[in-house]
Amino acid sequence: MSEKEILNIVDENGVAKQVEVVAYFTLKTNGKDYLIYTENKTDASGNVEVSVSEVVEQEDGTVVFNGVDDEAVWVEVKKVMLDIAKDGE
């Protein structure tokens, strides 16, 4: 079993939290980097909730996580998530 990768992030409300990395990947269609992560919370059905963000490195070296607003990009990200689920990663 591989070791979990934990990141410390600050959310859009300025709250610091620790999240577990599920996957980090670059979409071939747009060349941008994305991160799938979880706070290990479950929904009403018992499924682990995950979040997806575009990873953008700023000129000063800081990294910002942006939401995925483009529907075409979201479709591609969901395909990656399904592949990960099928592979059992």
N, C-alpha and C. Protein backbone atom coordinates (compact mmCIF):
# COMPACT_ATOMS: atom_id res chain seq x y z
N MET A 1 0.84 -1.17 0.00
CA MET A 1 0.00 0.00 0.00
C MET A 1 0.90 1.24 0.00
N SER A 2 0.57 2.21 -0.87
CA SER A 2 1.40 3.41 -0.96
C SER A 2 1.06 4.39 0.16
N GLU A 3 2.04 5.22 0.47
CA GLU A 3 1.87 6.21 1.53
C GLU A 3 0.99 7.35 1.02
N LYS A 4 0.11 7.85 1.87
CA LYS A 4 -0.77 8.94 1.50
C LYS A 4 0.02 10.24 1.40
N GLU A 5 -0.31 11.04 0.38
CA GLU A 5 0.31 12.35 0.24
C GLU A 5 -0.67 13.39 0.79
N ILE A 6 -0.22 14.15 1.77
CA ILE A 6 -1.06 15.16 2.42
C ILE A 6 -0.56 16.55 2.02
N LEU A 7 -1.49 17.43 1.69
CA LEU A 7 -1.17 18.82 1.38
C LEU A 7 -1.84 19.74 2.38
N ASN A 8 -1.17 20.81 2.72
CA ASN A 8 -1.77 21.87 3.52
C ASN A 8 -2.23 22.94 2.54
N ILE A 9 -3.52 23.26 2.56
CA ILE A 9 -4.06 24.27 1.66
C ILE A 9 -4.84 25.31 2.46
N VAL A 10 -5.10 26.42 1.82
CA VAL A 10 -5.96 27.46 2.38
C VAL A 10 -7.12 27.61 1.42
N ASP A 11 -8.34 27.42 1.92
CA ASP A 11 -9.50 27.48 1.02
C ASP A 11 -9.87 28.92 0.70
N GLU A 12 -10.92 29.07 -0.12
CA GLU A 12 -11.32 30.39 -0.59
C GLU A 12 -11.78 31.32 0.54
N ASN A 13 -12.08 30.75 1.70
CA ASN A 13 -12.48 31.54 2.87
C ASN A 13 -11.32 31.84 3.81
N GLY A 14 -10.10 31.44 3.40
CA GLY A 14 -8.92 31.69 4.22
C GLY A 14 -8.70 30.68 5.33
N VAL A 15 -9.43 29.55 5.28
CA VAL A 15 -9.32 28.52 6.30
C VAL A 15 -8.25 27.50 5.88
N ALA A 16 -7.26 27.27 6.75
CA ALA A 16 -6.22 26.29 6.48
C ALA A 16 -6.75 24.90 6.79
N LYS A 17 -6.42 23.95 5.92
CA LYS A 17 -6.84 22.56 6.14
C LYS A 17 -5.87 21.61 5.48
N GLN A 18 -5.91 20.37 5.94
CA GLN A 18 -5.10 19.32 5.34
C GLN A 18 -5.99 18.47 4.46
N VAL A 19 -5.49 18.16 3.26
CA VAL A 19 -6.24 17.31 2.34
C VAL A 19 -5.32 16.19 1.84
N GLU A 20 -5.94 15.12 1.42
CA GLU A 20 -5.21 13.98 0.88
C GLU A 20 -5.29 14.00 -0.65
N VAL A 21 -4.14 13.88 -1.30
CA VAL A 21 -4.09 13.86 -2.75
C VAL A 21 -4.62 12.51 -3.25
N VAL A 22 -5.58 12.57 -4.17
CA VAL A 22 -6.09 11.37 -4.82
C VAL A 22 -5.33 11.17 -6.14
N ALA A 23 -5.22 12.26 -6.91
CA ALA A 23 -4.50 12.18 -8.18
C ALA A 23 -4.08 13.58 -8.63
N TYR A 24 -2.97 13.62 -9.36
CA TYR A 24 -2.47 14.85 -9.96
C TYR A 24 -2.19 14.51 -11.41
N PHE A 25 -2.72 15.30 -12.34
CA PHE A 25 -2.58 14.96 -13.75
C PHE A 25 -2.65 16.21 -14.62
N THR A 26 -2.20 16.06 -15.86
CA THR A 26 -2.28 17.11 -16.86
C THR A 26 -3.25 16.64 -17.94
N LEU A 27 -4.23 17.49 -18.26
CA LEU A 27 -5.16 17.14 -19.33
C LEU A 27 -4.46 17.33 -20.68
N LYS A 28 -4.56 16.33 -21.52
CA LYS A 28 -3.94 16.42 -22.84
C LYS A 28 -4.64 17.47 -23.70
N THR A 29 -5.94 17.67 -23.48
CA THR A 29 -6.71 18.57 -24.33
C THR A 29 -6.35 20.04 -24.15
N ASN A 30 -5.89 20.43 -22.95
CA ASN A 30 -5.56 21.84 -22.74
C ASN A 30 -4.18 22.07 -22.10
N GLY A 31 -3.49 21.00 -21.73
CA GLY A 31 -2.15 21.11 -21.16
C GLY A 31 -2.10 21.66 -19.75
N LYS A 32 -3.26 21.80 -19.09
CA LYS A 32 -3.30 22.35 -17.73
C LYS A 32 -3.26 21.23 -16.70
N ASP A 33 -2.74 21.57 -15.51
CA ASP A 33 -2.60 20.61 -14.42
C ASP A 33 -3.82 20.66 -13.50
N TYR A 34 -4.21 19.48 -13.01
CA TYR A 34 -5.37 19.37 -12.13
C TYR A 34 -5.04 18.47 -10.94
N LEU A 35 -5.73 18.72 -9.85
CA LEU A 35 -5.55 17.95 -8.63
C LEU A 35 -6.90 17.46 -8.16
N ILE A 36 -6.99 16.17 -7.88
CA ILE A 36 -8.16 15.60 -7.23
C ILE A 36 -7.75 15.31 -5.80
N TYR A 37 -8.52 15.81 -4.85
CA TYR A 37 -8.16 15.65 -3.44
C TYR A 37 -9.40 15.44 -2.59
N THR A 38 -9.18 14.98 -1.37
CA THR A 38 -10.28 14.72 -0.46
C THR A 38 -9.92 15.15 0.95
N GLU A 39 -10.96 15.50 1.69
CA GLU A 39 -10.81 15.76 3.13
C GLU A 39 -11.25 14.53 3.92
N ASN A 40 -11.49 13.42 3.19
CA ASN A 40 -11.94 12.15 3.76
C ASN A 40 -13.27 12.27 4.49
N LYS A 41 -14.16 13.08 3.91
CA LYS A 41 -15.54 13.18 4.40
C LYS A 41 -16.40 12.35 3.48
N THR A 42 -17.50 11.84 4.01
CA THR A 42 -18.41 11.04 3.19
C THR A 42 -19.75 11.75 3.05
N ASP A 43 -20.44 11.43 1.94
CA ASP A 43 -21.77 11.98 1.72
C ASP A 43 -22.81 11.08 2.38
N ALA A 44 -24.07 11.40 2.19
CA ALA A 44 -25.15 10.66 2.83
C ALA A 44 -25.19 9.19 2.42
N SER A 45 -24.64 8.89 1.23
CA SER A 45 -24.62 7.51 0.74
C SER A 45 -23.36 6.75 1.16
N GLY A 46 -22.47 7.42 1.87
CA GLY A 46 -21.25 6.77 2.32
C GLY A 46 -20.09 6.86 1.35
N ASN A 47 -20.28 7.62 0.26
CA ASN A 47 -19.21 7.80 -0.72
C ASN A 47 -18.25 8.90 -0.25
N VAL A 48 -16.96 8.69 -0.48
CA VAL A 48 -15.96 9.69 -0.10
C VAL A 48 -16.10 10.88 -1.06
N GLU A 49 -16.20 12.08 -0.50
CA GLU A 49 -16.31 13.29 -1.30
C GLU A 49 -14.92 13.71 -1.78
N VAL A 50 -14.83 14.07 -3.06
CA VAL A 50 -13.58 14.56 -3.62
C VAL A 50 -13.81 15.93 -4.23
N SER A 51 -12.73 16.68 -4.35
CA SER A 51 -12.76 17.99 -4.99
C SER A 51 -11.74 17.98 -6.11
N VAL A 52 -11.99 18.81 -7.12
CA VAL A 52 -11.08 18.93 -8.25
C VAL A 52 -10.76 20.40 -8.44
N SER A 53 -9.48 20.69 -8.64
CA SER A 53 -9.05 22.06 -8.89
C SER A 53 -7.99 22.09 -9.98
N GLU A 54 -8.01 23.18 -10.74
CA GLU A 54 -6.90 23.44 -11.66
C GLU A 54 -5.76 24.00 -10.81
N VAL A 55 -4.56 23.52 -11.05
CA VAL A 55 -3.39 23.95 -10.30
C VAL A 55 -2.63 24.98 -11.14
N VAL A 56 -2.50 26.20 -10.59
CA VAL A 56 -1.84 27.29 -11.32
C VAL A 56 -0.71 27.85 -10.47
N GLU A 57 0.51 27.80 -11.02
CA GLU A 57 1.64 28.39 -10.30
C GLU A 57 1.75 29.86 -10.69
N GLN A 58 1.78 30.72 -9.67
CA GLN A 58 1.88 32.16 -9.87
C GLN A 58 3.33 32.56 -10.12
N GLU A 59 3.54 33.77 -10.62
CA GLU A 59 4.88 34.26 -10.90
C GLU A 59 5.76 34.29 -9.66
N ASP A 60 5.14 34.48 -8.48
CA ASP A 60 5.92 34.54 -7.23
C ASP A 60 6.20 33.15 -6.65
N GLY A 61 5.79 32.09 -7.38
CA GLY A 61 6.05 30.74 -6.93
C GLY A 61 4.94 30.11 -6.10
N THR A 62 3.96 30.90 -5.68
CA THR A 62 2.83 30.33 -4.94
C THR A 62 1.94 29.54 -5.89
N VAL A 63 1.21 28.60 -5.34
CA VAL A 63 0.32 27.77 -6.13
C VAL A 63 -1.12 28.07 -5.73
N VAL A 64 -1.96 28.27 -6.74
CA VAL A 64 -3.37 28.57 -6.51
C VAL A 64 -4.21 27.45 -7.11
N PHE A 65 -5.24 27.04 -6.39
CA PHE A 65 -6.19 26.06 -6.90
C PHE A 65 -7.43 26.80 -7.39
N ASN A 66 -7.73 26.67 -8.67
CA ASN A 66 -8.91 27.29 -9.25
C ASN A 66 -9.97 26.24 -9.50
N GLY A 67 -11.22 26.61 -9.33
CA GLY A 67 -12.31 25.70 -9.63
C GLY A 67 -12.39 25.41 -11.12
N VAL A 68 -13.08 24.35 -11.46
CA VAL A 68 -13.27 23.97 -12.87
C VAL A 68 -14.65 24.48 -13.28
N ASP A 69 -14.66 25.53 -14.10
CA ASP A 69 -15.92 26.16 -14.52
C ASP A 69 -16.31 25.81 -15.95
N ASP A 70 -15.35 25.40 -16.75
CA ASP A 70 -15.60 25.09 -18.16
C ASP A 70 -16.21 23.70 -18.28
N GLU A 71 -17.39 23.60 -18.87
CA GLU A 71 -18.10 22.32 -18.97
C GLU A 71 -17.31 21.28 -19.76
N ALA A 72 -16.66 21.69 -20.84
CA ALA A 72 -15.88 20.75 -21.65
C ALA A 72 -14.71 20.19 -20.84
N VAL A 73 -14.06 21.04 -20.06
CA VAL A 73 -12.97 20.59 -19.19
C VAL A 73 -13.51 19.64 -18.13
N TRP A 74 -14.66 19.98 -17.55
CA TRP A 74 -15.25 19.14 -16.51
C TRP A 74 -15.55 17.75 -17.05
N VAL A 75 -16.02 17.65 -18.29
CA VAL A 75 -16.29 16.34 -18.91
C VAL A 75 -14.99 15.53 -18.99
N GLU A 76 -13.89 16.17 -19.39
CA GLU A 76 -12.59 15.49 -19.48
C GLU A 76 -12.09 15.06 -18.10
N VAL A 77 -12.26 15.93 -17.11
CA VAL A 77 -11.83 15.60 -15.75
C VAL A 77 -12.62 14.41 -15.22
N LYS A 78 -13.91 14.37 -15.48
CA LYS A 78 -14.73 13.24 -15.03
C LYS A 78 -14.28 11.93 -15.67
N LYS A 79 -13.83 11.99 -16.93
CA LYS A 79 -13.30 10.79 -17.59
C LYS A 79 -12.06 10.28 -16.85
N VAL A 80 -11.18 11.20 -16.46
CA VAL A 80 -9.98 10.83 -15.71
C VAL A 80 -10.39 10.20 -14.37
N MET A 81 -11.37 10.81 -13.70
CA MET A 81 -11.83 10.28 -12.42
C MET A 81 -12.39 8.86 -12.57
N LEU A 82 -13.14 8.62 -13.64
CA LEU A 82 -13.67 7.27 -13.89
C LEU A 82 -12.55 6.28 -14.15
N ASP A 83 -11.54 6.69 -14.90
CA ASP A 83 -10.38 5.81 -15.16
C ASP A 83 -9.67 5.46 -13.87
N ILE A 84 -9.51 6.45 -12.99
CA ILE A 84 -8.87 6.21 -11.69
C ILE A 84 -9.68 5.22 -10.87
N ALA A 85 -11.00 5.41 -10.85
CA ALA A 85 -11.88 4.52 -10.10
C ALA A 85 -11.81 3.09 -10.65
N LYS A 86 -11.77 2.95 -11.97
CA LYS A 86 -11.69 1.62 -12.59
C LYS A 86 -10.38 0.93 -12.28
N ASP A 87 -9.29 1.71 -12.24
CA ASP A 87 -7.97 1.16 -11.97
C ASP A 87 -7.75 0.88 -10.49
N GLY A 88 -8.67 1.38 -9.64
CA GLY A 88 -8.56 1.14 -8.20
C GLY A 88 -7.47 1.93 -7.53
N GLU A 89 -7.07 3.06 -8.13
CA GLU A 89 -6.00 3.89 -7.53
C GLU A 89 -6.54 4.75 -6.45
